[in-house]
Amino acid sequence: MAIKVLIFRHGGPEIYEDLQPLLQRLRALALAQPGYVSGETYCNVKDSGEYLVISTWSSLEAWTAWHDHEERMAVQGQIDALLGEPTAYHVFQHV
């Protein structure tokens, strides 16, 4: 069953230029992962430092494999260091 993963990130607008290449790297890596269906990235209109990614995966197993992927974790570590706080993940399935 397909799942949706909501990914929340928050950092000041001053990190935008450093953050964008890292987010693009994650997207490029995700595109090559088995089970990746789609992803959309949004910026809060009232808080330009708040980002939401809605990622669709074919299964929880596919998402978990990606979440635990060594290269993803390395890029994510750079993102969290830049943000100064951990990225939040919320996984949903259709009911």
Protein backbone atom coordinates (compact mmCIF):
# COMPACT_ATOMS: atom_id res chain seq x y z
CA MET A 1 0.00 0.00 0.00
CA ALA A 2 1.32 3.43 -0.94
CA ILE A 3 2.24 5.81 1.83
CA LYS A 4 2.75 9.56 2.15
CA VAL A 5 5.62 10.99 4.14
CA LEU A 6 5.35 14.57 5.36
CA ILE A 7 8.78 16.03 6.02
CA PHE A 8 9.04 19.29 7.97
CA ARG A 9 12.12 21.49 8.04
CA HIS A 10 12.56 24.92 9.56
CA GLY A 11 15.45 27.32 9.23
CA GLY A 12 15.89 31.01 8.65
CA PRO A 13 15.69 32.46 5.14
CA GLU A 14 19.42 33.21 5.33
CA ILE A 15 20.22 29.49 4.84
CA TYR A 16 18.18 29.18 1.64
CA GLU A 17 21.15 29.26 -0.74
CA ASP A 18 23.03 26.61 1.25
CA LEU A 19 19.94 24.46 1.77
CA GLN A 20 18.73 24.27 -1.84
CA PRO A 21 21.61 22.18 -3.26
CA LEU A 22 21.22 19.70 -0.40
CA LEU A 23 17.49 19.35 -1.00
CA GLN A 24 18.13 18.91 -4.71
CA ARG A 25 20.69 16.19 -3.92
CA LEU A 26 18.15 14.35 -1.78
CA ARG A 27 15.56 14.58 -4.56
CA ALA A 28 18.02 13.25 -7.14
CA LEU A 29 18.93 10.34 -4.88
CA ALA A 30 15.28 9.59 -4.10
CA LEU A 31 14.37 9.47 -7.79
CA ALA A 32 16.69 6.48 -8.18
CA GLN A 33 15.24 4.56 -5.22
CA PRO A 34 12.98 1.54 -5.71
CA GLY A 35 9.47 2.41 -4.60
CA TYR A 36 9.77 6.18 -4.95
CA VAL A 37 6.61 7.52 -6.60
CA SER A 38 6.70 11.31 -6.31
CA GLY A 39 7.63 14.28 -4.19
CA GLU A 40 6.64 17.92 -3.84
CA THR A 41 8.41 20.64 -1.89
CA TYR A 42 6.61 23.65 -0.47
CA CYS A 43 7.67 26.80 1.36
CA ASN A 44 5.32 28.38 3.89
CA VAL A 45 3.93 31.65 2.50
CA LYS A 46 3.97 33.23 5.96
CA ASP A 47 7.36 31.84 7.05
CA SER A 48 9.87 31.54 4.22
CA GLY A 49 12.15 29.43 6.40
CA GLU A 50 9.60 26.63 6.83
CA TYR A 51 9.56 23.80 4.29
CA LEU A 52 7.19 20.90 3.75
CA VAL A 53 7.97 17.93 1.53
CA ILE A 54 5.20 15.52 0.62
CA SER A 55 6.78 12.31 -0.59
CA THR A 56 4.89 9.29 -1.94
CA TRP A 57 6.32 5.78 -1.71
CA SER A 58 4.94 2.48 -2.97
CA SER A 59 5.22 0.91 0.49
CA LEU A 60 6.42 1.46 4.02
CA GLU A 61 9.29 -0.93 3.29
CA ALA A 62 10.44 1.20 0.34
CA TRP A 63 10.34 4.34 2.51
CA THR A 64 12.19 2.62 5.35
CA ALA A 65 14.92 1.43 2.98
CA TRP A 66 15.32 5.00 1.72
CA HIS A 67 15.19 6.50 5.22
CA ASP A 68 17.99 4.13 6.30
CA HIS A 69 20.05 4.63 3.10
CA GLU A 70 23.60 5.63 4.04
CA GLU A 71 23.99 8.41 1.47
CA ARG A 72 20.57 9.89 2.34
CA MET A 73 21.54 9.92 6.00
CA ALA A 74 24.79 11.73 5.23
CA VAL A 75 23.03 14.49 3.24
CA GLN A 76 20.29 14.69 5.86
CA GLY A 77 22.96 15.19 8.54
CA GLN A 78 24.26 18.19 6.60
CA ILE A 79 20.74 19.58 6.32
CA ASP A 80 20.02 19.17 10.03
CA ALA A 81 23.34 20.81 10.92
CA LEU A 82 22.48 23.76 8.68
CA LEU A 83 18.98 24.02 10.17
CA GLY A 84 20.22 23.66 13.73
CA GLU A 85 17.42 21.19 14.49
CA PRO A 86 16.36 17.74 13.32
CA THR A 87 14.03 17.24 10.40
CA ALA A 88 10.61 15.88 11.40
CA TYR A 89 9.07 12.93 9.54
CA HIS A 90 5.42 11.85 9.67
CA VAL A 91 4.38 8.72 7.77
CA PHE A 92 0.74 8.21 6.71
CA GLN A 93 -1.22 5.51 4.95
CA HIS A 94 -4.64 5.75 3.34
CA VAL A 95 -7.54 4.56 5.50
